[in-house]
PDB file of all heavy atoms in Angstrom:
ATOM      1  N   LEU A   1      72.321 -10.523  -3.428  1.00  0.00           N
ATOM      2  CA  LEU A   1      71.025 -10.122  -2.893  1.00  0.00           C
ATOM      3  C   LEU A   1      70.044 -11.291  -2.912  1.00  0.00           C
ATOM      4  O   LEU A   1      69.310 -11.520  -1.946  1.00  0.00           O
ATOM      5  CB  LEU A   1      70.478  -8.928  -3.685  1.00  0.00           C
ATOM      6  CG  LEU A   1      69.251  -8.232  -3.119  1.00  0.00           C
ATOM      7  CD1 LEU A   1      69.438  -7.832  -1.667  1.00  0.00           C
ATOM      8  CD2 LEU A   1      68.912  -7.019  -3.960  1.00  0.00           C
ATOM      9  N   THR A   2      70.054 -12.057  -3.979  1.00  0.00           N
ATOM     10  CA  THR A   2      69.189 -13.241  -4.064  1.00  0.00           C
ATOM     11  C   THR A   2      69.518 -14.223  -2.946  1.00  0.00           C
ATOM     12  O   THR A   2      68.615 -14.757  -2.289  1.00  0.00           O
ATOM     13  CB  THR A   2      69.345 -13.920  -5.442  1.00  0.00           C
ATOM     14  OG1 THR A   2      68.959 -12.988  -6.452  1.00  0.00           O
ATOM     15  CG2 THR A   2      68.498 -15.168  -5.544  1.00  0.00           C
ATOM     16  N   LYS A   3      70.805 -14.479  -2.709  1.00  0.00           N
ATOM     17  CA  LYS A   3      71.206 -15.385  -1.623  1.00  0.00           C
ATOM     18  C   LYS A   3      70.751 -14.865  -0.268  1.00  0.00           C
ATOM     19  O   LYS A   3      70.257 -15.608   0.571  1.00  0.00           O
ATOM     20  CB  LYS A   3      72.726 -15.554  -1.597  1.00  0.00           C
ATOM     21  CG  LYS A   3      73.270 -16.465  -2.626  1.00  0.00           C
ATOM     22  CD  LYS A   3      74.771 -16.592  -2.441  1.00  0.00           C
ATOM     23  CE  LYS A   3      75.374 -17.386  -3.558  1.00  0.00           C
ATOM     24  NZ  LYS A   3      76.825 -17.539  -3.414  1.00  0.00           N
ATOM     25  N   LEU A   4      70.954 -13.569  -0.044  1.00  0.00           N
ATOM     26  CA  LEU A   4      70.583 -12.974   1.236  1.00  0.00           C
ATOM     27  C   LEU A   4      69.080 -13.070   1.478  1.00  0.00           C
ATOM     28  O   LEU A   4      68.640 -13.347   2.600  1.00  0.00           O
ATOM     29  CB  LEU A   4      71.043 -11.521   1.295  1.00  0.00           C
ATOM     30  CG  LEU A   4      72.552 -11.296   1.321  1.00  0.00           C
ATOM     31  CD1 LEU A   4      72.875  -9.822   1.117  1.00  0.00           C
ATOM     32  CD2 LEU A   4      73.156 -11.811   2.610  1.00  0.00           C
ATOM     33  N   ILE A   5      68.295 -12.861   0.440  1.00  0.00           N
ATOM     34  CA  ILE A   5      66.831 -12.963   0.566  1.00  0.00           C
ATOM     35  C   ILE A   5      66.430 -14.409   0.844  1.00  0.00           C
ATOM     36  O   ILE A   5      65.625 -14.680   1.740  1.00  0.00           O
ATOM     37  CB  ILE A   5      66.139 -12.411  -0.700  1.00  0.00           C
ATOM     38  CG1 ILE A   5      66.335 -10.897  -0.786  1.00  0.00           C
ATOM     39  CG2 ILE A   5      64.660 -12.780  -0.703  1.00  0.00           C
ATOM     40  CD1 ILE A   5      65.948 -10.286  -2.126  1.00  0.00           C
ATOM     41  N   GLU A   6      67.005 -15.362   0.099  1.00  0.00           N
ATOM     42  CA  GLU A   6      66.690 -16.785   0.288  1.00  0.00           C
ATOM     43  C   GLU A   6      67.038 -17.264   1.697  1.00  0.00           C
ATOM     44  O   GLU A   6      66.347 -18.105   2.261  1.00  0.00           O
ATOM     45  CB  GLU A   6      67.455 -17.641  -0.721  1.00  0.00           C
ATOM     46  CG  GLU A   6      66.956 -17.517  -2.135  1.00  0.00           C
ATOM     47  CD  GLU A   6      67.864 -18.200  -3.147  1.00  0.00           C
ATOM     48  OE1 GLU A   6      68.971 -18.677  -2.773  1.00  0.00           O
ATOM     49  OE2 GLU A   6      67.474 -18.259  -4.325  1.00  0.00           O
ATOM     50  N   GLN A   7      68.110 -16.728   2.254  1.00  0.00           N
ATOM     51  CA  GLN A   7      68.577 -17.155   3.580  1.00  0.00           C
ATOM     52  C   GLN A   7      67.967 -16.318   4.726  1.00  0.00           C
ATOM     53  O   GLN A   7      68.343 -16.487   5.879  1.00  0.00           O
ATOM     54  CB  GLN A   7      70.102 -17.045   3.650  1.00  0.00           C
ATOM     55  CG  GLN A   7      70.838 -17.942   2.691  1.00  0.00           C
ATOM     56  CD  GLN A   7      70.786 -19.399   3.112  1.00  0.00           C
ATOM     57  OE1 GLN A   7      70.707 -19.711   4.290  1.00  0.00           O
ATOM     58  NE2 GLN A   7      70.823 -20.288   2.144  1.00  0.00           N
ATOM     59  N   ASN A   8      67.028 -15.419   4.406  1.00  0.00           N
ATOM     60  CA  ASN A   8      66.384 -14.556   5.413  1.00  0.00           C
ATOM     61  C   ASN A   8      67.409 -13.746   6.204  1.00  0.00           C
ATOM     62  O   ASN A   8      67.338 -13.652   7.428  1.00  0.00           O
ATOM     63  CB  ASN A   8      65.505 -15.371   6.363  1.00  0.00           C
ATOM     64  CG  ASN A   8      64.326 -15.969   5.656  1.00  0.00           C
ATOM     65  OD1 ASN A   8      63.710 -15.333   4.808  1.00  0.00           O
ATOM     66  ND2 ASN A   8      64.007 -17.205   5.989  1.00  0.00           N
ATOM     67  N   CYS A   9      68.352 -13.158   5.505  1.00  0.00           N
ATOM     68  CA  CYS A   9      69.442 -12.416   6.142  1.00  0.00           C
ATOM     69  C   CYS A   9      69.266 -10.904   6.090  1.00  0.00           C
ATOM     70  O   CYS A   9      70.170 -10.169   6.473  1.00  0.00           O
ATOM     71  CB  CYS A   9      70.766 -12.798   5.474  1.00  0.00           C
ATOM     72  SG  CYS A   9      71.255 -14.498   5.785  1.00  0.00           S
ATOM     73  N   ILE A  10      68.120 -10.439   5.610  1.00  0.00           N
ATOM     74  CA  ILE A  10      67.874  -8.994   5.541  1.00  0.00           C
ATOM     75  C   ILE A  10      66.743  -8.665   6.512  1.00  0.00           C
ATOM     76  O   ILE A  10      65.647  -9.234   6.418  1.00  0.00           O
ATOM     77  CB  ILE A  10      67.509  -8.561   4.106  1.00  0.00           C
ATOM     78  CG1 ILE A  10      68.650  -8.921   3.161  1.00  0.00           C
ATOM     79  CG2 ILE A  10      67.201  -7.069   4.065  1.00  0.00           C
ATOM     80  CD1 ILE A  10      68.320  -8.764   1.709  1.00  0.00           C
ATOM     81  N   MET A  11      67.047  -7.761   7.449  1.00  0.00           N
ATOM     82  CA  MET A  11      66.076  -7.428   8.478  1.00  0.00           C
ATOM     83  C   MET A  11      65.907  -5.919   8.600  1.00  0.00           C
ATOM     84  O   MET A  11      66.867  -5.172   8.395  1.00  0.00           O
ATOM     85  CB  MET A  11      66.519  -8.009   9.809  1.00  0.00           C
ATOM     86  CG  MET A  11      66.489  -9.526   9.825  1.00  0.00           C
ATOM     87  SD  MET A  11      67.374 -10.203  11.212  1.00  0.00           S
ATOM     88  CE  MET A  11      69.038  -9.948  10.644  1.00  0.00           C
ATOM     89  N   LEU A  12      64.718  -5.526   8.914  1.00  0.00           N
ATOM     90  CA  LEU A  12      64.415  -4.125   9.199  1.00  0.00           C
ATOM     91  C   LEU A  12      63.925  -4.067  10.635  1.00  0.00           C
ATOM     92  O   LEU A  12      62.934  -4.735  10.978  1.00  0.00           O
ATOM     93  CB  LEU A  12      63.354  -3.587   8.236  1.00  0.00           C
ATOM     94  CG  LEU A  12      63.103  -2.094   8.285  1.00  0.00           C
ATOM     95  CD1 LEU A  12      64.344  -1.336   7.803  1.00  0.00           C
ATOM     96  CD2 LEU A  12      61.903  -1.713   7.448  1.00  0.00           C
ATOM     97  N   ASN A  13      64.632  -3.332  11.469  1.00  0.00           N
ATOM     98  CA  ASN A  13      64.316  -3.244  12.898  1.00  0.00           C
ATOM     99  C   ASN A  13      64.198  -4.630  13.537  1.00  0.00           C
ATOM    100  O   ASN A  13      63.259  -4.936  14.257  1.00  0.00           O
ATOM    101  CB  ASN A  13      63.042  -2.426  13.119  1.00  0.00           C
ATOM    102  CG  ASN A  13      63.167  -1.028  12.564  1.00  0.00           C
ATOM    103  OD1 ASN A  13      64.225  -0.416  12.640  1.00  0.00           O
ATOM    104  ND2 ASN A  13      62.095  -0.525  11.981  1.00  0.00           N
ATOM    105  N   ASN A  14      65.162  -5.496  13.210  1.00  0.00           N
ATOM    106  CA  ASN A  14      65.287  -6.856  13.748  1.00  0.00           C
ATOM    107  C   ASN A  14      64.189  -7.823  13.320  1.00  0.00           C
ATOM    108  O   ASN A  14      64.009  -8.864  13.951  1.00  0.00           O
ATOM    109  CB  ASN A  14      65.397  -6.831  15.278  1.00  0.00           C
ATOM    110  CG  ASN A  14      66.669  -6.172  15.732  1.00  0.00           C
ATOM    111  OD1 ASN A  14      67.726  -6.373  15.140  1.00  0.00           O
ATOM    112  ND2 ASN A  14      66.578  -5.363  16.779  1.00  0.00           N
ATOM    113  N   CYS A  15      63.453  -7.504  12.263  1.00  0.00           N
ATOM    114  CA  CYS A  15      62.448  -8.415  11.713  1.00  0.00           C
ATOM    115  C   CYS A  15      62.790  -8.687  10.247  1.00  0.00           C
ATOM    116  O   CYS A  15      63.127  -7.751   9.506  1.00  0.00           O
ATOM    117  CB  CYS A  15      61.051  -7.808  11.791  1.00  0.00           C
ATOM    118  SG  CYS A  15      60.482  -7.562  13.477  1.00  0.00           S
ATOM    119  N   ILE A  16      62.681  -9.941   9.851  1.00  0.00           N
ATOM    120  CA  ILE A  16      62.929 -10.285   8.448  1.00  0.00           C
ATOM    121  C   ILE A  16      61.967  -9.483   7.592  1.00  0.00           C
ATOM    122  O   ILE A  16      60.782  -9.353   7.914  1.00  0.00           O
ATOM    123  CB  ILE A  16      62.752 -11.798   8.223  1.00  0.00           C
ATOM    124  CG1 ILE A  16      63.817 -12.546   9.025  1.00  0.00           C
ATOM    125  CG2 ILE A  16      62.860 -12.153   6.749  1.00  0.00           C
ATOM    126  CD1 ILE A  16      63.600 -14.039   9.104  1.00  0.00           C
ATOM    127  N   VAL A  17      62.465  -8.956   6.477  1.00  0.00           N
ATOM    128  CA  VAL A  17      61.678  -8.021   5.687  1.00  0.00           C
ATOM    129  C   VAL A  17      61.726  -8.391   4.203  1.00  0.00           C
ATOM    130  O   VAL A  17      62.695  -8.973   3.726  1.00  0.00           O
ATOM    131  CB  VAL A  17      62.188  -6.578   5.921  1.00  0.00           C
ATOM    132  CG1 VAL A  17      63.577  -6.396   5.368  1.00  0.00           C
ATOM    133  CG2 VAL A  17      61.256  -5.551   5.365  1.00  0.00           C
ATOM    134  N   ASP A  18      60.672  -8.069   3.518  1.00  0.00           N
ATOM    135  CA  ASP A  18      60.624  -8.169   2.060  1.00  0.00           C
ATOM    136  C   ASP A  18      61.311  -6.916   1.521  1.00  0.00           C
ATOM    137  O   ASP A  18      60.955  -5.798   1.907  1.00  0.00           O
ATOM    138  CB  ASP A  18      59.163  -8.225   1.605  1.00  0.00           C
ATOM    139  CG  ASP A  18      59.007  -8.434   0.114  1.00  0.00           C
ATOM    140  OD1 ASP A  18      59.841  -7.939  -0.676  1.00  0.00           O
ATOM    141  OD2 ASP A  18      58.037  -9.111  -0.281  1.00  0.00           O
ATOM    142  N   THR A  19      62.286  -7.085   0.653  1.00  0.00           N
ATOM    143  CA  THR A  19      63.068  -5.932   0.187  1.00  0.00           C
ATOM    144  C   THR A  19      62.262  -4.981  -0.680  1.00  0.00           C
ATOM    145  O   THR A  19      62.727  -3.884  -0.978  1.00  0.00           O
ATOM    146  CB  THR A  19      64.323  -6.393  -0.578  1.00  0.00           C
ATOM    147  OG1 THR A  19      63.932  -7.170  -1.698  1.00  0.00           O
ATOM    148  CG2 THR A  19      65.239  -7.190   0.328  1.00  0.00           C
ATOM    149  N   ARG A  20      61.055  -5.384  -1.087  1.00  0.00           N
ATOM    150  CA  ARG A  20      60.190  -4.484  -1.860  1.00  0.00           C
ATOM    151  C   ARG A  20      59.452  -3.504  -0.957  1.00  0.00           C
ATOM    152  O   ARG A  20      58.833  -2.557  -1.433  1.00  0.00           O
ATOM    153  CB  ARG A  20      59.193  -5.284  -2.690  1.00  0.00           C
ATOM    154  CG  ARG A  20      59.874  -6.142  -3.753  1.00  0.00           C
ATOM    155  CD  ARG A  20      58.912  -7.093  -4.383  1.00  0.00           C
ATOM    156  NE  ARG A  20      58.556  -8.097  -3.369  1.00  0.00           N
ATOM    157  CZ  ARG A  20      57.931  -9.228  -3.631  1.00  0.00           C
ATOM    158  NH1 ARG A  20      57.549  -9.514  -4.844  1.00  0.00           N
ATOM    159  NH2 ARG A  20      57.664 -10.087  -2.668  1.00  0.00           N
ATOM    160  N   ASN A  21      59.541  -3.733   0.355  1.00  0.00           N
ATOM    161  CA  ASN A  21      58.859  -2.854   1.311  1.00  0.00           C
ATOM    162  C   ASN A  21      59.540  -1.496   1.389  1.00  0.00           C
ATOM    163  O   ASN A  21      60.733  -1.365   1.139  1.00  0.00           O
ATOM    164  CB  ASN A  21      58.856  -3.469   2.712  1.00  0.00           C
ATOM    165  CG  ASN A  21      57.956  -4.676   2.817  1.00  0.00           C
ATOM    166  OD1 ASN A  21      57.262  -5.035   1.866  1.00  0.00           O
ATOM    167  ND2 ASN A  21      57.990  -5.330   3.954  1.00  0.00           N
ATOM    168  N   SER A  22      58.754  -0.513   1.806  1.00  0.00           N
ATOM    169  CA  SER A  22      59.315   0.821   2.040  1.00  0.00           C
ATOM    170  C   SER A  22      59.873   0.865   3.462  1.00  0.00           C
ATOM    171  O   SER A  22      59.814  -0.123   4.187  1.00  0.00           O
ATOM    172  CB  SER A  22      58.255   1.890   1.828  1.00  0.00           C
ATOM    173  OG  SER A  22      57.206   1.711   2.749  1.00  0.00           O
ATOM    174  N   PHE A  23      60.377   1.996   3.863  1.00  0.00           N
ATOM    175  CA  PHE A  23      60.985   2.144   5.173  1.00  0.00           C
ATOM    176  C   PHE A  23      60.674   3.528   5.712  1.00  0.00           C
ATOM    177  O   PHE A  23      60.237   4.407   4.986  1.00  0.00           O
ATOM    178  CB  PHE A  23      62.499   1.940   5.087  1.00  0.00           C
ATOM    179  CG  PHE A  23      63.154   2.832   4.074  1.00  0.00           C
ATOM    180  CD1 PHE A  23      63.591   4.095   4.414  1.00  0.00           C
ATOM    181  CD2 PHE A  23      63.300   2.421   2.754  1.00  0.00           C
ATOM    182  CE1 PHE A  23      64.179   4.925   3.476  1.00  0.00           C
ATOM    183  CE2 PHE A  23      63.883   3.240   1.809  1.00  0.00           C
ATOM    184  CZ  PHE A  23      64.323   4.495   2.167  1.00  0.00           C
ATOM    185  N   ASP A  24      60.903   3.714   6.998  1.00  0.00           N
ATOM    186  CA  ASP A  24      60.724   5.004   7.653  1.00  0.00           C
ATOM    187  C   ASP A  24      62.081   5.545   8.089  1.00  0.00           C
ATOM    188  O   ASP A  24      63.039   4.785   8.260  1.00  0.00           O
ATOM    189  CB  ASP A  24      59.809   4.873   8.878  1.00  0.00           C
ATOM    190  CG  ASP A  24      58.375   4.552   8.485  1.00  0.00           C
ATOM    191  OD1 ASP A  24      57.890   5.122   7.494  1.00  0.00           O
ATOM    192  OD2 ASP A  24      57.745   3.719   9.174  1.00  0.00           O
ATOM    193  N   ILE A  25      62.128   6.820   8.295  1.00  0.00           N
ATOM    194  CA  ILE A  25      63.348   7.456   8.779  1.00  0.00           C
ATOM    195  C   ILE A  25      63.701   6.859  10.140  1.00  0.00           C
ATOM    196  O   ILE A  25      62.822   6.590  10.961  1.00  0.00           O
ATOM    197  CB  ILE A  25      63.156   8.988   8.883  1.00  0.00           C
ATOM    198  CG1 ILE A  25      62.878   9.544   7.484  1.00  0.00           C
ATOM    199  CG2 ILE A  25      64.357   9.662   9.512  1.00  0.00           C
ATOM    200  CD1 ILE A  25      62.385  10.959   7.467  1.00  0.00           C
ATOM    201  N   ASN A  26      64.980   6.623  10.363  1.00  0.00           N
ATOM    202  CA  ASN A  26      65.542   6.038  11.577  1.00  0.00           C
ATOM    203  C   ASN A  26      65.323   4.526  11.698  1.00  0.00           C
ATOM    204  O   ASN A  26      65.695   3.933  12.716  1.00  0.00           O
ATOM    205  CB  ASN A  26      65.059   6.737  12.851  1.00  0.00           C
ATOM    206  CG  ASN A  26      65.544   8.163  12.925  1.00  0.00           C
ATOM    207  OD1 ASN A  26      66.652   8.471  12.488  1.00  0.00           O
ATOM    208  ND2 ASN A  26      64.721   9.044  13.453  1.00  0.00           N
ATOM    209  N   ASP A  27      64.717   3.895  10.703  1.00  0.00           N
ATOM    210  CA  ASP A  27      64.672   2.437  10.688  1.00  0.00           C
ATOM    211  C   ASP A  27      66.100   1.918  10.547  1.00  0.00           C
ATOM    212  O   ASP A  27      66.948   2.557   9.921  1.00  0.00           O
ATOM    213  CB  ASP A  27      63.846   1.920   9.506  1.00  0.00           C
ATOM    214  CG  ASP A  27      62.348   1.921   9.777  1.00  0.00           C
ATOM    215  OD1 ASP A  27      61.960   2.166  10.931  1.00  0.00           O
ATOM    216  OD2 ASP A  27      61.583   1.663   8.830  1.00  0.00           O
ATOM    217  N   ILE A  28      66.354   0.751  11.123  1.00  0.00           N
ATOM    218  CA  ILE A  28      67.677   0.141  11.037  1.00  0.00           C
ATOM    219  C   ILE A  28      67.589  -1.090  10.126  1.00  0.00           C
ATOM    220  O   ILE A  28      66.863  -2.034  10.410  1.00  0.00           O
ATOM    221  CB  ILE A  28      68.205  -0.298  12.420  1.00  0.00           C
ATOM    222  CG1 ILE A  28      68.239   0.877  13.398  1.00  0.00           C
ATOM    223  CG2 ILE A  28      69.575  -0.970  12.293  1.00  0.00           C
ATOM    224  CD1 ILE A  28      69.257   1.930  13.089  1.00  0.00           C
ATOM    225  N   LEU A  29      68.338  -1.018   9.051  1.00  0.00           N
ATOM    226  CA  LEU A  29      68.436  -2.131   8.105  1.00  0.00           C
ATOM    227  C   LEU A  29      69.676  -2.943   8.481  1.00  0.00           C
ATOM    228  O   LEU A  29      70.767  -2.397   8.622  1.00  0.00           O
ATOM    229  CB  LEU A  29      68.576  -1.590   6.680  1.00  0.00           C
ATOM    230  CG  LEU A  29      68.724  -2.610   5.561  1.00  0.00           C
ATOM    231  CD1 LEU A  29      67.474  -3.460   5.438  1.00  0.00           C
ATOM    232  CD2 LEU A  29      69.028  -1.899   4.256  1.00  0.00           C
ATOM    233  N   THR A  30      69.499  -4.242   8.672  1.00  0.00           N
ATOM    234  CA  THR A  30      70.605  -5.127   9.027  1.00  0.00           C
ATOM    235  C   THR A  30      70.737  -6.193   7.957  1.00  0.00           C
ATOM    236  O   THR A  30      69.746  -6.815   7.564  1.00  0.00           O
ATOM    237  CB  THR A  30      70.363  -5.803  10.396  1.00  0.00           C
ATOM    238  OG1 THR A  30      70.137  -4.797  11.379  1.00  0.00           O
ATOM    239  CG2 THR A  30      71.539  -6.677  10.802  1.00  0.00           C
ATOM    240  N   VAL A  31      71.955  -6.393   7.487  1.00  0.00           N
ATOM    241  CA  VAL A  31      72.246  -7.433   6.503  1.00  0.00           C
ATOM    242  C   VAL A  31      73.260  -8.377   7.146  1.00  0.00           C
ATOM    243  O   VAL A  31      74.357  -7.954   7.513  1.00  0.00           O
ATOM    244  CB  VAL A  31      72.820  -6.840   5.200  1.00  0.00           C
ATOM    245  CG1 VAL A  31      73.061  -7.933   4.181  1.00  0.00           C
ATOM    246  CG2 VAL A  31      71.904  -5.761   4.645  1.00  0.00           C
ATOM    247  N   ARG A  32      72.868  -9.644   7.324  1.00  0.00           N
ATOM    248  CA  ARG A  32      73.738 -10.657   7.924  1.00  0.00           C
ATOM    249  C   ARG A  32      74.435 -11.470   6.834  1.00  0.00           C
ATOM    250  O   ARG A  32      73.815 -11.830   5.839  1.00  0.00           O
ATOM    251  CB  ARG A  32      72.930 -11.601   8.803  1.00  0.00           C
ATOM    252  CG  ARG A  32      72.438 -10.990  10.086  1.00  0.00           C
ATOM    253  CD  ARG A  32      71.792 -12.011  11.038  1.00  0.00           C
ATOM    254  NE  ARG A  32      71.848 -13.384  10.611  1.00  0.00           N
ATOM    255  CZ  ARG A  32      70.828 -14.078  10.091  1.00  0.00           C
ATOM    256  NH1 ARG A  32      69.657 -13.501   9.909  1.00  0.00           N
ATOM    257  NH2 ARG A  32      70.973 -15.327   9.742  1.00  0.00           N
ATOM    258  N   PHE A  33      75.696 -11.765   7.042  1.00  0.00           N
ATOM    259  CA  PHE A  33      76.472 -12.536   6.080  1.00  0.00           C
ATOM    260  C   PHE A  33      76.941 -13.864   6.663  1.00  0.00           C
ATOM    261  O   PHE A  33      77.898 -14.451   6.179  1.00  0.00           O
ATOM    262  CB  PHE A  33      77.686 -11.724   5.619  1.00  0.00           C
ATOM    263  CG  PHE A  33      77.313 -10.488   4.872  1.00  0.00           C
ATOM    264  CD1 PHE A  33      77.181  -9.279   5.528  1.00  0.00           C
ATOM    265  CD2 PHE A  33      77.062 -10.537   3.509  1.00  0.00           C
ATOM    266  CE1 PHE A  33      76.826  -8.140   4.835  1.00  0.00           C
ATOM    267  CE2 PHE A  33      76.701  -9.401   2.813  1.00  0.00           C
ATOM    268  CZ  PHE A  33      76.582  -8.201   3.478  1.00  0.00           C
ATOM    269  N   ASP A  34      76.263 -14.369   7.688  1.00  0.00           N
ATOM    270  CA  ASP A  34      76.713 -15.582   8.362  1.00  0.00           C
ATOM    271  C   ASP A  34      76.049 -16.851   7.846  1.00  0.00           C
ATOM    272  O   ASP A  34      76.093 -17.888   8.486  1.00  0.00           O
ATOM    273  CB  ASP A  34      76.503 -15.451   9.868  1.00  0.00           C
ATOM    274  CG  ASP A  34      75.054 -15.206  10.251  1.00  0.00           C
ATOM    275  OD1 ASP A  34      74.216 -15.003   9.352  1.00  0.00           O
ATOM    276  OD2 ASP A  34      74.753 -15.209  11.454  1.00  0.00           O
ATOM    277  N   TYR A  35      75.455 -16.801   6.682  1.00  0.00           N
ATOM    278  CA  TYR A  35      74.824 -17.986   6.126  1.00  0.00           C
ATOM    279  C   TYR A  35      75.901 -18.957   5.608  1.00  0.00           C
ATOM    280  O   TYR A  35      76.950 -18.544   5.143  1.00  0.00           O
ATOM    281  CB  TYR A  35      73.857 -17.609   4.986  1.00  0.00           C
ATOM    282  CG  TYR A  35      74.513 -16.885   3.847  1.00  0.00           C
ATOM    283  CD1 TYR A  35      75.012 -17.579   2.758  1.00  0.00           C
ATOM    284  CD2 TYR A  35      74.651 -15.501   3.852  1.00  0.00           C
ATOM    285  CE1 TYR A  35      75.635 -16.919   1.709  1.00  0.00           C
ATOM    286  CE2 TYR A  35      75.268 -14.836   2.817  1.00  0.00           C
ATOM    287  CZ  TYR A  35      75.760 -15.551   1.751  1.00  0.00           C
ATOM    288  OH  TYR A  35      76.376 -14.903   0.716  1.00  0.00           O
ATOM    289  N   PRO A  36      75.639 -20.268   5.708  1.00  0.00           N
ATOM    290  CA  PRO A  36      76.636 -21.246   5.221  1.00  0.00           C
ATOM    291  C   PRO A  36      76.643 -21.317   3.698  1.00  0.00           C
ATOM    292  O   PRO A  36      75.628 -21.074   3.050  1.00  0.00           O
ATOM    293  CB  PRO A  36      76.160 -22.568   5.831  1.00  0.00           C
ATOM    294  CG  PRO A  36      74.707 -22.370   6.070  1.00  0.00           C
ATOM    295  CD  PRO A  36      74.498 -20.909   6.336  1.00  0.00           C
ATOM    296  N   GLU A  37      77.815 -21.629   3.152  1.00  0.00           N
ATOM    297  CA  GLU A  37      77.957 -21.807   1.707  1.00  0.00           C
ATOM    298  C   GLU A  37      78.646 -23.141   1.447  1.00  0.00           C
ATOM    299  O   GLU A  37      79.468 -23.588   2.249  1.00  0.00           O
ATOM    300  CB  GLU A  37      78.813 -20.694   1.103  1.00  0.00           C
ATOM    301  CG  GLU A  37      78.174 -19.337   1.145  1.00  0.00           C
ATOM    302  CD  GLU A  37      79.077 -18.292   0.539  1.00  0.00           C
ATOM    303  OE1 GLU A  37      80.064 -17.921   1.183  1.00  0.00           O
ATOM    304  OE2 GLU A  37      78.786 -17.864  -0.586  1.00  0.00           O
ATOM    305  N   ASP A  38      78.333 -23.742   0.324  1.00  0.00           N
ATOM    306  CA  ASP A  38      78.952 -25.004  -0.049  1.00  0.00           C
ATOM    307  C   ASP A  38      80.327 -24.743  -0.651  1.00  0.00           C
ATOM    308  O   ASP A  38      80.460 -23.965  -1.589  1.00  0.00           O
ATOM    309  CB  ASP A  38      78.063 -25.731  -1.065  1.00  0.00           C
ATOM    310  CG  ASP A  38      78.648 -27.060  -1.501  1.00  0.00           C
ATOM    311  OD1 ASP A  38      79.392 -27.681  -0.712  1.00  0.00           O
ATOM    312  OD2 ASP A  38      78.374 -27.471  -2.634  1.00  0.00           O
ATOM    313  N   ASN A  39      81.336 -25.371  -0.082  1.00  0.00           N
ATOM    314  CA  ASN A  39      82.676 -25.270  -0.650  1.00  0.00           C
ATOM    315  C   ASN A  39      83.232 -26.665  -0.961  1.00  0.00           C
ATOM    316  O   ASN A  39      84.438 -26.878  -0.977  1.00  0.00           O
ATOM    317  CB  ASN A  39      83.613 -24.472   0.267  1.00  0.00           C
ATOM    318  CG  ASN A  39      83.821 -25.124   1.617  1.00  0.00           C
ATOM    319  OD1 ASN A  39      83.414 -26.249   1.857  1.00  0.00           O
ATOM    320  ND2 ASN A  39      84.464 -24.421   2.527  1.00  0.00           N
ATOM    321  N   ALA A  40      82.321 -27.599  -1.225  1.00  0.00           N
ATOM    322  CA  ALA A  40      82.703 -28.987  -1.471  1.00  0.00           C
ATOM    323  C   ALA A  40      83.425 -29.174  -2.806  1.00  0.00           C
ATOM    324  O   ALA A  40      83.984 -30.236  -3.054  1.00  0.00           O
ATOM    325  CB  ALA A  40      81.464 -29.881  -1.415  1.00  0.00           C
ATOM    326  N   ASN A  41      83.428 -28.172  -3.656  1.00  0.00           N
ATOM    327  CA  ASN A  41      84.101 -28.288  -4.954  1.00  0.00           C
ATOM    328  C   ASN A  41      85.620 -28.192  -4.828  1.00  0.00           C
ATOM    329  O   ASN A  41      86.336 -28.420  -5.798  1.00  0.00           O
ATOM    330  CB  ASN A  41      83.592 -27.221  -5.925  1.00  0.00           C
ATOM    331  CG  ASN A  41      83.889 -25.813  -5.444  1.00  0.00           C
ATOM    332  OD1 ASN A  41      83.869 -25.546  -4.242  1.00  0.00           O
ATOM    333  ND2 ASN A  41      84.136 -24.916  -6.366  1.00  0.00           N
ATOM    334  N   VAL A  42      86.126 -27.879  -3.633  1.00  0.00           N
ATOM    335  CA  VAL A  42      87.569 -27.791  -3.404  1.00  0.00           C
ATOM    336  C   VAL A  42      87.956 -28.884  -2.404  1.00  0.00           C
ATOM    337  O   VAL A  42      87.351 -29.008  -1.343  1.00  0.00           O
ATOM    338  CB  VAL A  42      87.969 -26.398  -2.857  1.00  0.00           C
ATOM    339  CG1 VAL A  42      89.454 -26.325  -2.546  1.00  0.00           C
ATOM    340  CG2 VAL A  42      87.573 -25.305  -3.837  1.00  0.00           C
ATOM    341  N   VAL A  43      88.971 -29.658  -2.743  1.00  0.00           N
ATOM    342  CA  VAL A  43      89.471 -30.717  -1.871  1.00  0.00           C
ATOM    343  C   VAL A  43      90.244 -30.086  -0.718  1.00  0.00           C
ATOM    344  O   VAL A  43      91.089 -29.215  -0.933  1.00  0.00           O
ATOM    345  CB  VAL A  43      90.394 -31.678  -2.661  1.00  0.00           C
ATOM    346  CG1 VAL A  43      91.035 -32.697  -1.740  1.00  0.00           C
ATOM    347  CG2 VAL A  43      89.635 -32.342  -3.785  1.00  0.00           C
TER     348      VAL A  43
END
C-alpha cells in the first residue's frame, strides 16, 4: 500500500486519490500495479 501510494497508483473515478478520503456508492476504485521496481540485486 505504501508503494502504491508513493507511485500514485490508486485512483478513484480515474483521479489520483488520498486513501484517507471517503467514497460514494458506485465510485470506481482502481489500483494499478504497473510501477517499475528495482531488480538490480539479481545478476
